[in-house]
PDB file of all heavy atoms in Angstrom:
ATOM      1  N   THR A   1      54.698 -34.670  19.713  1.00  0.00           N
ATOM      2  CA  THR A   1      55.376 -33.658  18.904  1.00  0.00           C
ATOM      3  C   THR A   1      55.137 -33.891  17.418  1.00  0.00           C
ATOM      4  O   THR A   1      54.884 -32.968  16.638  1.00  0.00           O
ATOM      5  CB  THR A   1      56.896 -33.687  19.197  1.00  0.00           C
ATOM      6  OG1 THR A   1      57.120 -33.436  20.581  1.00  0.00           O
ATOM      7  CG2 THR A   1      57.636 -32.640  18.351  1.00  0.00           C
ATOM      8  N   LYS A   2      55.219 -35.162  17.009  1.00  0.00           N
ATOM      9  CA  LYS A   2      55.002 -35.499  15.594  1.00  0.00           C
ATOM     10  C   LYS A   2      53.562 -35.211  15.182  1.00  0.00           C
ATOM     11  O   LYS A   2      53.310 -34.619  14.127  1.00  0.00           O
ATOM     12  CB  LYS A   2      55.324 -36.984  15.372  1.00  0.00           C
ATOM     13  CG  LYS A   2      56.775 -37.366  15.602  1.00  0.00           C
ATOM     14  CD  LYS A   2      56.960 -38.884  15.493  1.00  0.00           C
ATOM     15  CE  LYS A   2      58.380 -39.315  15.815  1.00  0.00           C
ATOM     16  NZ  LYS A   2      59.362 -38.879  14.812  1.00  0.00           N
ATOM     17  N   LEU A   3      52.610 -35.610  16.007  1.00  0.00           N
ATOM     18  CA  LEU A   3      51.195 -35.469  15.653  1.00  0.00           C
ATOM     19  C   LEU A   3      50.703 -34.026  15.751  1.00  0.00           C
ATOM     20  O   LEU A   3      49.641 -33.698  15.191  1.00  0.00           O
ATOM     21  CB  LEU A   3      50.334 -36.372  16.533  1.00  0.00           C
ATOM     22  CG  LEU A   3      50.586 -37.890  16.363  1.00  0.00           C
ATOM     23  CD1 LEU A   3      49.796 -38.691  17.392  1.00  0.00           C
ATOM     24  CD2 LEU A   3      50.237 -38.347  14.954  1.00  0.00           C
ATOM     25  N   ASN A   4      51.435 -33.160  16.443  1.00  0.00           N
ATOM     26  CA  ASN A   4      51.077 -31.740  16.507  1.00  0.00           C
ATOM     27  C   ASN A   4      51.655 -30.956  15.328  1.00  0.00           C
ATOM     28  O   ASN A   4      51.323 -29.779  15.137  1.00  0.00           O
ATOM     29  CB  ASN A   4      51.581 -31.116  17.814  1.00  0.00           C
ATOM     30  CG  ASN A   4      50.738 -31.564  18.992  1.00  0.00           C
ATOM     31  OD1 ASN A   4      49.589 -31.980  18.832  1.00  0.00           O
ATOM     32  ND2 ASN A   4      51.303 -31.484  20.195  1.00  0.00           N
ATOM     33  N   ASP A   5      52.548 -31.601  14.565  1.00  0.00           N
ATOM     34  CA  ASP A   5      53.153 -30.957  13.404  1.00  0.00           C
ATOM     35  C   ASP A   5      52.142 -30.961  12.251  1.00  0.00           C
ATOM     36  O   ASP A   5      51.177 -31.723  12.235  1.00  0.00           O
ATOM     37  CB  ASP A   5      54.422 -31.711  13.008  1.00  0.00           C
ATOM     38  CG  ASP A   5      55.366 -30.869  12.172  1.00  0.00           C
ATOM     39  OD1 ASP A   5      55.005 -29.722  11.844  1.00  0.00           O
ATOM     40  OD2 ASP A   5      56.460 -31.373  11.831  1.00  0.00           O
ATOM     41  N   ASN A   6      52.378 -30.102  11.245  1.00  0.00           N
ATOM     42  CA  ASN A   6      51.487 -30.107  10.078  1.00  0.00           C
ATOM     43  C   ASN A   6      51.967 -31.140   9.060  1.00  0.00           C
ATOM     44  O   ASN A   6      53.130 -31.548   9.062  1.00  0.00           O
ATOM     45  CB  ASN A   6      51.404 -28.710   9.447  1.00  0.00           C
ATOM     46  CG  ASN A   6      52.740 -28.252   8.879  1.00  0.00           C
ATOM     47  OD1 ASN A   6      53.181 -28.702   7.834  1.00  0.00           O
ATOM     48  ND2 ASN A   6      53.401 -27.345   9.608  1.00  0.00           N
ATOM     49  N   LEU A   7      51.055 -31.573   8.184  1.00  0.00           N
ATOM     50  CA  LEU A   7      51.341 -32.672   7.257  1.00  0.00           C
ATOM     51  C   LEU A   7      52.451 -32.328   6.269  1.00  0.00           C
ATOM     52  O   LEU A   7      53.238 -33.205   5.882  1.00  0.00           O
ATOM     53  CB  LEU A   7      50.070 -33.068   6.513  1.00  0.00           C
ATOM     54  CG  LEU A   7      48.978 -33.737   7.341  1.00  0.00           C
ATOM     55  CD1 LEU A   7      47.749 -34.004   6.513  1.00  0.00           C
ATOM     56  CD2 LEU A   7      49.488 -35.044   7.957  1.00  0.00           C
ATOM     57  N   TRP A   8      52.524 -31.067   5.844  1.00  0.00           N
ATOM     58  CA  TRP A   8      53.570 -30.685   4.898  1.00  0.00           C
ATOM     59  C   TRP A   8      54.952 -30.841   5.540  1.00  0.00           C
ATOM     60  O   TRP A   8      55.882 -31.324   4.904  1.00  0.00           O
ATOM     61  CB  TRP A   8      53.363 -29.253   4.429  1.00  0.00           C
ATOM     62  CG  TRP A   8      54.466 -28.728   3.549  1.00  0.00           C
ATOM     63  CD1 TRP A   8      55.335 -27.729   3.829  1.00  0.00           C
ATOM     64  CD2 TRP A   8      54.831 -29.232   2.242  1.00  0.00           C
ATOM     65  NE1 TRP A   8      56.231 -27.545   2.784  1.00  0.00           N
ATOM     66  CE2 TRP A   8      55.936 -28.453   1.793  1.00  0.00           C
ATOM     67  CE3 TRP A   8      54.340 -30.236   1.434  1.00  0.00           C
ATOM     68  CZ2 TRP A   8      56.552 -28.670   0.567  1.00  0.00           C
ATOM     69  CZ3 TRP A   8      54.950 -30.441   0.201  1.00  0.00           C
ATOM     70  CH2 TRP A   8      56.037 -29.670  -0.224  1.00  0.00           C
ATOM     71  N   SER A   9      55.063 -30.411   6.795  1.00  0.00           N
ATOM     72  CA  SER A   9      56.329 -30.557   7.512  1.00  0.00           C
ATOM     73  C   SER A   9      56.687 -32.033   7.663  1.00  0.00           C
ATOM     74  O   SER A   9      57.845 -32.425   7.445  1.00  0.00           O
ATOM     75  CB  SER A   9      56.213 -29.902   8.898  1.00  0.00           C
ATOM     76  OG  SER A   9      57.347 -30.187   9.681  1.00  0.00           O
ATOM     77  N   ILE A  10      55.700 -32.849   8.016  1.00  0.00           N
ATOM     78  CA  ILE A  10      55.943 -34.292   8.169  1.00  0.00           C
ATOM     79  C   ILE A  10      56.418 -34.886   6.854  1.00  0.00           C
ATOM     80  O   ILE A  10      57.369 -35.689   6.826  1.00  0.00           O
ATOM     81  CB  ILE A  10      54.644 -34.995   8.628  1.00  0.00           C
ATOM     82  CG1 ILE A  10      54.309 -34.612  10.075  1.00  0.00           C
ATOM     83  CG2 ILE A  10      54.773 -36.512   8.497  1.00  0.00           C
ATOM     84  CD1 ILE A  10      55.280 -35.127  11.106  1.00  0.00           C
ATOM     85  N   PHE A  11      55.784 -34.481   5.753  1.00  0.00           N
ATOM     86  CA  PHE A  11      56.154 -35.009   4.443  1.00  0.00           C
ATOM     87  C   PHE A  11      57.612 -34.653   4.091  1.00  0.00           C
ATOM     88  O   PHE A  11      58.391 -35.510   3.673  1.00  0.00           O
ATOM     89  CB  PHE A  11      55.206 -34.464   3.376  1.00  0.00           C
ATOM     90  CG  PHE A  11      55.535 -34.880   1.977  1.00  0.00           C
ATOM     91  CD1 PHE A  11      55.186 -36.141   1.503  1.00  0.00           C
ATOM     92  CD2 PHE A  11      56.227 -34.023   1.123  1.00  0.00           C
ATOM     93  CE1 PHE A  11      55.499 -36.550   0.216  1.00  0.00           C
ATOM     94  CE2 PHE A  11      56.545 -34.406  -0.167  1.00  0.00           C
ATOM     95  CZ  PHE A  11      56.177 -35.667  -0.622  1.00  0.00           C
ATOM     96  N   LEU A  12      57.971 -33.381   4.270  1.00  0.00           N
ATOM     97  CA  LEU A  12      59.330 -32.947   3.927  1.00  0.00           C
ATOM     98  C   LEU A  12      60.381 -33.645   4.804  1.00  0.00           C
ATOM     99  O   LEU A  12      61.440 -34.055   4.302  1.00  0.00           O
ATOM    100  CB  LEU A  12      59.447 -31.432   4.074  1.00  0.00           C
ATOM    101  CG  LEU A  12      58.910 -30.588   2.929  1.00  0.00           C
ATOM    102  CD1 LEU A  12      59.140 -29.114   3.210  1.00  0.00           C
ATOM    103  CD2 LEU A  12      59.536 -30.982   1.602  1.00  0.00           C
ATOM    104  N   LEU A  13      60.089 -33.759   6.094  1.00  0.00           N
ATOM    105  CA  LEU A  13      61.048 -34.417   6.988  1.00  0.00           C
ATOM    106  C   LEU A  13      61.213 -35.897   6.613  1.00  0.00           C
ATOM    107  O   LEU A  13      62.305 -36.457   6.757  1.00  0.00           O
ATOM    108  CB  LEU A  13      60.577 -34.297   8.435  1.00  0.00           C
ATOM    109  CG  LEU A  13      60.598 -32.870   9.033  1.00  0.00           C
ATOM    110  CD1 LEU A  13      60.005 -32.854  10.424  1.00  0.00           C
ATOM    111  CD2 LEU A  13      62.019 -32.300   9.042  1.00  0.00           C
ATOM    112  N   ALA A  14      60.137 -36.509   6.109  1.00  0.00           N
ATOM    113  CA  ALA A  14      60.219 -37.892   5.668  1.00  0.00           C
ATOM    114  C   ALA A  14      61.042 -37.987   4.383  1.00  0.00           C
ATOM    115  O   ALA A  14      61.797 -38.958   4.182  1.00  0.00           O
ATOM    116  CB  ALA A  14      58.832 -38.466   5.448  1.00  0.00           C
ATOM    117  N   VAL A  15      60.907 -37.004   3.485  1.00  0.00           N
ATOM    118  CA  VAL A  15      61.712 -36.978   2.261  1.00  0.00           C
ATOM    119  C   VAL A  15      63.190 -36.889   2.617  1.00  0.00           C
ATOM    120  O   VAL A  15      64.024 -37.665   2.106  1.00  0.00           O
ATOM    121  CB  VAL A  15      61.304 -35.764   1.376  1.00  0.00           C
ATOM    122  CG1 VAL A  15      62.322 -35.588   0.224  1.00  0.00           C
ATOM    123  CG2 VAL A  15      59.906 -35.961   0.803  1.00  0.00           C
ATOM    124  N   PHE A  16      63.543 -35.953   3.512  1.00  0.00           N
ATOM    125  CA  PHE A  16      64.942 -35.795   3.909  1.00  0.00           C
ATOM    126  C   PHE A  16      65.490 -37.074   4.534  1.00  0.00           C
ATOM    127  O   PHE A  16      66.652 -37.450   4.303  1.00  0.00           O
ATOM    128  CB  PHE A  16      65.072 -34.633   4.911  1.00  0.00           C
ATOM    129  CG  PHE A  16      64.664 -33.296   4.369  1.00  0.00           C
ATOM    130  CD1 PHE A  16      64.190 -32.298   5.212  1.00  0.00           C
ATOM    131  CD2 PHE A  16      64.719 -33.032   3.003  1.00  0.00           C
ATOM    132  CE1 PHE A  16      63.806 -31.068   4.714  1.00  0.00           C
ATOM    133  CE2 PHE A  16      64.346 -31.783   2.489  1.00  0.00           C
ATOM    134  CZ  PHE A  16      63.880 -30.811   3.355  1.00  0.00           C
ATOM    135  N   CYS A  17      64.650 -37.742   5.319  1.00  0.00           N
ATOM    136  CA  CYS A  17      65.076 -38.961   5.992  1.00  0.00           C
ATOM    137  C   CYS A  17      65.528 -40.014   4.988  1.00  0.00           C
ATOM    138  O   CYS A  17      66.606 -40.600   5.109  1.00  0.00           O
ATOM    139  CB  CYS A  17      63.944 -39.513   6.853  1.00  0.00           C
ATOM    140  SG  CYS A  17      64.272 -41.148   7.558  1.00  0.00           S
ATOM    141  N   ASN A  18      64.711 -40.262   3.956  1.00  0.00           N
ATOM    142  CA  ASN A  18      65.044 -41.377   3.086  1.00  0.00           C
ATOM    143  C   ASN A  18      66.119 -41.051   2.055  1.00  0.00           C
ATOM    144  O   ASN A  18      66.667 -41.957   1.438  1.00  0.00           O
ATOM    145  CB  ASN A  18      63.795 -41.925   2.389  1.00  0.00           C
ATOM    146  CG  ASN A  18      63.670 -43.424   2.586  1.00  0.00           C
ATOM    147  OD1 ASN A  18      63.979 -43.919   3.675  1.00  0.00           O
ATOM    148  ND2 ASN A  18      63.255 -44.161   1.572  1.00  0.00           N
ATOM    149  N   VAL A  19      66.435 -39.774   1.885  1.00  0.00           N
ATOM    150  CA  VAL A  19      67.636 -39.441   1.112  1.00  0.00           C
ATOM    151  C   VAL A  19      68.854 -40.015   1.845  1.00  0.00           C
ATOM    152  O   VAL A  19      69.739 -40.625   1.252  1.00  0.00           O
ATOM    153  CB  VAL A  19      67.768 -37.919   0.932  1.00  0.00           C
ATOM    154  CG1 VAL A  19      69.138 -37.571   0.336  1.00  0.00           C
ATOM    155  CG2 VAL A  19      66.663 -37.385   0.024  1.00  0.00           C
ATOM    156  N   LEU A  20      68.870 -39.815   3.157  1.00  0.00           N
ATOM    157  CA  LEU A  20      69.973 -40.332   3.963  1.00  0.00           C
ATOM    158  C   LEU A  20      69.952 -41.859   4.027  1.00  0.00           C
ATOM    159  O   LEU A  20      71.008 -42.503   4.013  1.00  0.00           O
ATOM    160  CB  LEU A  20      69.911 -39.741   5.369  1.00  0.00           C
ATOM    161  CG  LEU A  20      70.200 -38.241   5.484  1.00  0.00           C
ATOM    162  CD1 LEU A  20      69.895 -37.735   6.892  1.00  0.00           C
ATOM    163  CD2 LEU A  20      71.651 -37.953   5.120  1.00  0.00           C
ATOM    164  N   ILE A  21      68.748 -42.447   4.123  1.00  0.00           N
ATOM    165  CA  ILE A  21      68.662 -43.900   4.178  1.00  0.00           C
ATOM    166  C   ILE A  21      69.169 -44.521   2.889  1.00  0.00           C
ATOM    167  O   ILE A  21      69.877 -45.540   2.908  1.00  0.00           O
ATOM    168  CB  ILE A  21      67.202 -44.345   4.442  1.00  0.00           C
ATOM    169  CG1 ILE A  21      66.787 -43.966   5.859  1.00  0.00           C
ATOM    170  CG2 ILE A  21      67.030 -45.847   4.234  1.00  0.00           C
ATOM    171  CD1 ILE A  21      67.584 -44.655   6.946  1.00  0.00           C
ATOM    172  N   PHE A  22      68.865 -43.906   1.748  1.00  0.00           N
ATOM    173  CA  PHE A  22      69.376 -44.424   0.478  1.00  0.00           C
ATOM    174  C   PHE A  22      70.907 -44.377   0.456  1.00  0.00           C
ATOM    175  O   PHE A  22      71.555 -45.338   0.037  1.00  0.00           O
ATOM    176  CB  PHE A  22      68.829 -43.644  -0.714  1.00  0.00           C
ATOM    177  CG  PHE A  22      69.481 -44.017  -2.012  1.00  0.00           C
ATOM    178  CD1 PHE A  22      69.149 -45.209  -2.650  1.00  0.00           C
ATOM    179  CD2 PHE A  22      70.457 -43.217  -2.592  1.00  0.00           C
ATOM    180  CE1 PHE A  22      69.770 -45.589  -3.832  1.00  0.00           C
ATOM    181  CE2 PHE A  22      71.081 -43.578  -3.767  1.00  0.00           C
ATOM    182  CZ  PHE A  22      70.733 -44.773  -4.395  1.00  0.00           C
ATOM    183  N   LEU A  23      71.462 -43.270   0.906  1.00  0.00           N
ATOM    184  CA  LEU A  23      72.924 -43.149   0.935  1.00  0.00           C
ATOM    185  C   LEU A  23      73.531 -44.245   1.827  1.00  0.00           C
ATOM    186  O   LEU A  23      74.560 -44.840   1.490  1.00  0.00           O
ATOM    187  CB  LEU A  23      73.330 -41.767   1.447  1.00  0.00           C
ATOM    188  CG  LEU A  23      73.066 -40.591   0.502  1.00  0.00           C
ATOM    189  CD1 LEU A  23      73.345 -39.267   1.207  1.00  0.00           C
ATOM    190  CD2 LEU A  23      73.932 -40.711  -0.765  1.00  0.00           C
ATOM    191  N   ALA A  24      72.883 -44.501   2.957  1.00  0.00           N
ATOM    192  CA  ALA A  24      73.393 -45.516   3.884  1.00  0.00           C
ATOM    193  C   ALA A  24      73.286 -46.929   3.301  1.00  0.00           C
ATOM    194  O   ALA A  24      74.252 -47.700   3.310  1.00  0.00           O
ATOM    195  CB  ALA A  24      72.650 -45.435   5.213  1.00  0.00           C
TER     196      ALA A  24
END
């Protein structure tokens, strides 16, 4: 599922992830 996604989507989802990681 991850590798079938496009790179822009992967990049944005990674950005959202580490916003939450920083808060944690």
